[in-house]
Amino acid sequence: MSATYIGYSGIELMPESSWEQNKEGLITYTEKNMVLRSTSVVTPTLTTTRNIGGQTLRAVAVNVVSGGGAFSEITVTYQGQEGLTLQQDSTSSTGEEPIESNKYFFNGDIGGGSSIVTAAGSANVIYNDDGSFAGFSKNAKKNFFGVTSYLNPNLVYRRSFTTSVTASATNLSTVGRIVTATDDFPAVVEGATWLCVGISYVKRGQAFDVTQDFRASGEQGWNTYIYGSATDAPTLPT
């Protein structure tokens, strides 16, 4: 279906056009044409496309203004994505975790040294009747007396992109699952794994704005008995 509106009785009216591209790679092409009001015009639909500069763009808006003269003004806006423009964001913070959950509490090798229990002095570690950790005594070495928690890094990685591939946008099967990091993921401490904590998308015309969030674990990795074995991270569209 043609979306070009030029010419009448052998005389062509050249359209006005503009082209812009934002930092996310979204291309917007606007074309304005003047046509005789008596001319039969087929307006584009959301399936109408134009090839501009080698990019396939889709009609997203049509505006027809008929004044008191002989001509009508038709403005058509097309949009399309230049390949995949991946936005990458990462944030980090720290949260408190029980000291007994630390990787090095019983079997650590901190800088070539001993575990936390050994460093504090095994006789200075107090346990409840059920065998759970209760605390360090006042005689604990290495300033462990009174220590009940430690700061654990909380690292979040976010992918944001726009795609027309429905399968890449609407697949939520990895949410709540451990995923295998791909090349775009940031490097983290050895032993850490990634959990997909959320995927959201907004459909705009024929394209989807997609956001995917992943959270890194500590050095022990996410518990596979809780989150299952690792699965492939969501595939980025090409």
Protein backbone atom coordinates (compact mmCIF):
# COMPACT_ATOMS: atom_id res chain seq x y z
CA MET A 1 0.00 0.00 0.00
CA SER A 2 1.47 3.32 -1.03
CA ALA A 3 1.86 6.07 1.53
CA THR A 4 3.23 8.69 -0.86
CA TYR A 5 1.00 11.69 -1.52
CA ILE A 6 2.36 13.78 -4.37
CA GLY A 7 1.12 15.10 -7.68
CA TYR A 8 -2.10 16.06 -9.41
CA SER A 9 -2.94 16.47 -13.11
CA GLY A 10 0.68 15.77 -13.98
CA ILE A 11 2.07 18.42 -11.61
CA GLU A 12 3.94 17.06 -8.58
CA LEU A 13 4.08 18.78 -5.23
CA MET A 14 7.30 17.86 -3.44
CA PRO A 15 6.75 16.78 0.17
CA GLU A 16 8.39 18.31 3.21
CA SER A 17 10.17 15.75 5.35
CA SER A 18 12.25 15.50 8.52
CA TRP A 19 14.36 12.75 10.05
CA GLU A 20 15.70 12.31 13.56
CA GLN A 21 17.22 9.53 15.63
CA ASN A 22 17.43 9.47 19.43
CA LYS A 23 20.17 7.92 21.57
CA GLU A 24 18.22 4.66 21.88
CA GLY A 25 18.38 4.23 18.11
CA LEU A 26 14.70 5.03 17.47
CA ILE A 27 14.28 6.66 14.04
CA THR A 28 11.38 9.05 13.42
CA TYR A 29 10.63 10.16 9.86
CA THR A 30 7.88 12.72 9.23
CA GLU A 31 6.52 13.54 5.79
CA LYS A 32 4.08 16.35 4.98
CA ASN A 33 2.25 16.50 1.64
CA MET A 34 -0.28 18.84 0.02
CA VAL A 35 -2.87 17.13 -2.18
CA LEU A 36 -5.98 18.31 -3.98
CA ARG A 37 -9.05 17.85 -1.80
CA SER A 38 -10.71 16.18 -4.78
CA THR A 39 -7.95 13.56 -4.94
CA SER A 40 -8.79 10.10 -3.62
CA VAL A 41 -6.24 9.39 -0.91
CA VAL A 42 -5.59 6.06 0.80
CA THR A 43 -4.20 6.78 4.26
CA PRO A 44 -1.63 4.37 5.70
CA THR A 45 -2.37 1.92 8.50
CA LEU A 46 -0.09 0.46 11.19
CA THR A 47 1.00 -2.14 8.62
CA THR A 48 2.19 0.49 6.13
CA THR A 49 5.97 0.68 5.84
CA ARG A 50 8.50 2.91 4.13
CA ASN A 51 12.13 2.20 3.32
CA ILE A 52 14.11 5.30 4.21
CA GLY A 53 17.88 5.26 4.03
CA GLY A 54 17.95 1.48 4.08
CA GLN A 55 15.77 1.31 7.22
CA THR A 56 12.26 -0.13 7.20
CA LEU A 57 9.98 2.26 9.07
CA ARG A 58 6.35 1.73 10.04
CA ALA A 59 3.55 4.31 10.04
CA VAL A 60 2.59 5.28 13.60
CA ALA A 61 0.52 8.45 13.10
CA VAL A 62 -1.50 10.13 10.34
CA ASN A 63 -2.90 13.64 10.51
CA VAL A 64 -5.16 15.09 7.77
CA VAL A 65 -6.02 18.80 7.81
CA SER A 66 -8.52 20.14 5.27
CA GLY A 67 -8.64 23.91 5.09
CA GLY A 68 -10.88 26.16 3.09
CA GLY A 69 -8.68 26.02 0.01
CA ALA A 70 -8.24 23.45 -2.70
CA PHE A 71 -5.63 21.40 -0.86
CA SER A 72 -5.52 19.11 2.15
CA GLU A 73 -2.40 18.74 4.25
CA ILE A 74 -1.47 15.16 5.13
CA THR A 75 1.26 14.48 7.67
CA VAL A 76 2.49 10.93 8.22
CA THR A 77 4.95 9.88 10.93
CA TYR A 78 6.97 6.70 10.56
CA GLN A 79 9.18 5.08 13.18
CA GLY A 80 11.64 2.21 13.27
CA GLN A 81 14.60 0.88 15.20
CA GLU A 82 18.15 0.86 13.85
CA GLY A 83 19.13 -2.67 14.81
CA LEU A 84 19.40 -3.38 18.52
CA THR A 85 20.52 -0.50 20.70
CA LEU A 86 21.14 -2.01 24.12
CA GLN A 87 21.02 0.29 27.14
CA GLN A 88 23.00 -1.12 30.08
CA ASP A 89 22.71 0.09 33.66
CA SER A 90 24.12 -1.31 36.88
CA THR A 91 23.57 -0.30 40.49
CA SER A 92 25.21 -1.51 43.65
CA SER A 93 24.44 -1.28 47.35
CA THR A 94 25.06 -3.37 50.45
CA GLY A 95 22.63 -5.20 52.69
CA GLU A 96 23.09 -6.87 56.08
CA GLU A 97 23.23 -10.65 56.24
CA PRO A 98 23.69 -12.91 59.30
CA ILE A 99 27.38 -13.47 59.96
CA GLU A 100 26.86 -17.25 60.09
CA SER A 101 25.68 -17.19 56.46
CA ASN A 102 29.04 -15.85 55.30
CA LYS A 103 30.90 -18.17 52.97
CA TYR A 104 33.95 -18.11 55.22
CA PHE A 105 32.19 -18.71 58.55
CA PHE A 106 33.18 -22.36 58.90
CA ASN A 107 35.41 -23.18 55.95
CA GLY A 108 36.84 -19.90 54.78
CA ASP A 109 40.28 -18.98 53.64
CA ILE A 110 40.33 -15.22 54.09
CA GLY A 111 43.52 -13.91 52.52
CA GLY A 112 45.23 -17.23 53.12
CA GLY A 113 44.06 -17.31 56.74
CA SER A 114 41.49 -19.21 58.74
CA SER A 115 37.73 -19.38 58.82
CA ILE A 116 35.80 -16.87 60.93
CA VAL A 117 35.22 -19.47 63.64
CA THR A 118 38.90 -20.34 63.82
CA ALA A 119 39.96 -16.68 63.73
CA ALA A 120 37.62 -15.83 66.62
CA GLY A 121 38.70 -18.91 68.55
CA SER A 122 36.44 -21.95 68.44
CA ALA A 123 35.96 -21.83 72.23
CA ASN A 124 34.62 -18.27 71.90
CA VAL A 125 31.77 -19.19 69.54
CA ILE A 126 28.44 -19.69 71.34
CA TYR A 127 25.75 -22.02 70.00
CA ASN A 128 22.11 -22.54 70.95
CA ASP A 129 20.85 -25.91 72.16
CA ASP A 130 19.78 -26.78 68.63
CA GLY A 131 23.27 -26.13 67.33
CA SER A 132 22.51 -22.78 65.67
CA PHE A 133 24.92 -19.88 66.07
CA ALA A 134 24.13 -17.59 69.03
CA GLY A 135 27.06 -15.17 69.03
CA PHE A 136 30.67 -14.56 69.97
CA SER A 137 31.77 -14.38 73.60
CA LYS A 138 33.59 -11.36 75.03
CA ASN A 139 36.81 -13.32 74.73
CA ALA A 140 36.50 -13.65 70.97
CA LYS A 141 39.63 -12.72 69.07
CA LYS A 142 39.95 -10.40 66.06
CA ASN A 143 37.26 -8.05 67.43
CA PHE A 144 34.44 -10.53 66.71
CA PHE A 145 32.65 -9.93 70.02
CA GLY A 146 29.26 -8.35 69.28
CA VAL A 147 29.43 -9.06 65.55
CA THR A 148 26.14 -10.53 64.32
CA SER A 149 26.04 -9.56 60.64
CA TYR A 150 28.13 -8.49 57.68
CA LEU A 151 27.58 -6.27 54.65
CA ASN A 152 26.85 -8.22 51.52
CA PRO A 153 27.00 -6.48 48.10
CA ASN A 154 23.71 -6.14 46.25
CA LEU A 155 24.46 -5.79 42.54
CA VAL A 156 21.69 -5.25 39.97
CA TYR A 157 22.19 -5.24 36.18
CA ARG A 158 19.51 -3.84 33.85
CA ARG A 159 19.09 -4.35 30.12
CA SER A 160 16.82 -1.98 28.16
CA PHE A 161 16.11 -2.20 24.43
CA THR A 162 13.42 -1.82 21.79
CA THR A 163 12.47 -4.67 19.50
CA SER A 164 9.76 -5.72 17.09
CA VAL A 165 10.41 -9.39 17.87
CA THR A 166 7.45 -10.43 20.00
CA ALA A 167 9.09 -13.60 21.34
CA SER A 168 12.07 -11.63 22.69
CA ALA A 169 9.82 -9.14 24.44
CA THR A 170 7.01 -11.18 25.96
CA ASN A 171 8.88 -14.26 27.25
CA LEU A 172 8.77 -14.05 31.06
CA SER A 173 9.80 -17.66 31.76
CA THR A 174 13.17 -16.75 33.30
CA VAL A 175 11.76 -14.46 36.00
CA GLY A 176 12.69 -15.91 39.40
CA ARG A 177 15.28 -18.26 37.85
CA ILE A 178 19.06 -18.40 38.03
CA VAL A 179 20.43 -17.51 34.60
CA THR A 180 23.76 -18.09 32.92
CA ALA A 181 25.48 -14.76 32.30
CA THR A 182 26.11 -13.76 28.67
CA ASP A 183 28.86 -11.53 27.33
CA ASP A 184 26.97 -8.30 28.07
CA PHE A 185 26.75 -9.00 31.83
CA PRO A 186 29.24 -7.19 34.10
CA ALA A 187 31.99 -9.18 35.82
CA VAL A 188 31.32 -10.06 39.47
CA VAL A 189 33.17 -11.92 42.22
CA GLU A 190 34.01 -15.56 41.55
CA GLY A 191 31.26 -17.94 42.64
CA ALA A 192 28.45 -15.40 42.28
CA THR A 193 25.51 -16.23 40.04
CA TRP A 194 22.72 -14.13 38.54
CA LEU A 195 18.99 -14.25 39.28
CA CYS A 196 16.44 -12.77 36.87
CA VAL A 197 14.32 -10.62 39.21
CA GLY A 198 12.03 -8.95 36.68
CA ILE A 199 11.08 -8.40 33.03
CA SER A 200 8.71 -5.69 31.85
CA TYR A 201 7.66 -4.45 28.43
CA VAL A 202 5.45 -1.79 26.87
CA LYS A 203 4.06 -2.22 23.36
CA ARG A 204 4.16 0.93 21.25
CA GLY A 205 2.64 0.30 17.83
CA GLN A 206 4.50 -2.69 16.43
CA ALA A 207 7.52 -2.34 18.74
CA PHE A 208 8.19 -3.28 22.35
CA ASP A 209 10.21 -1.31 24.91
CA VAL A 210 11.73 -4.04 27.09
CA THR A 211 13.47 -3.90 30.49
CA GLN A 212 15.16 -6.93 32.08
CA ASP A 213 16.61 -6.87 35.63
CA PHE A 214 19.12 -9.31 37.11
CA ARG A 215 20.60 -9.50 40.62
CA ALA A 216 23.97 -11.00 41.53
CA SER A 217 24.38 -13.28 44.53
CA GLY A 218 27.23 -13.44 47.01
CA GLU A 219 30.20 -15.73 46.50
CA GLN A 220 28.18 -18.85 47.32
CA GLY A 221 25.78 -18.33 44.43
CA TRP A 222 21.99 -18.45 44.53
CA ASN A 223 20.57 -21.55 46.22
CA THR A 224 19.60 -23.99 43.47
CA TYR A 225 17.28 -25.85 45.87
CA ILE A 226 15.20 -22.65 46.05
CA TYR A 227 15.56 -21.18 42.56
CA GLY A 228 16.30 -24.28 40.50
CA SER A 229 19.27 -25.01 38.27
CA ALA A 230 20.64 -22.31 36.00
CA THR A 231 18.88 -21.66 32.69
CA ASP A 232 19.88 -19.56 29.69
CA ALA A 233 19.52 -15.81 30.11
CA PRO A 234 16.90 -14.20 27.84
CA THR A 235 18.21 -13.95 24.30
CA LEU A 236 18.77 -10.48 22.93
CA PRO A 237 17.10 -9.95 19.54
CA THR A 238 19.37 -9.38 16.58
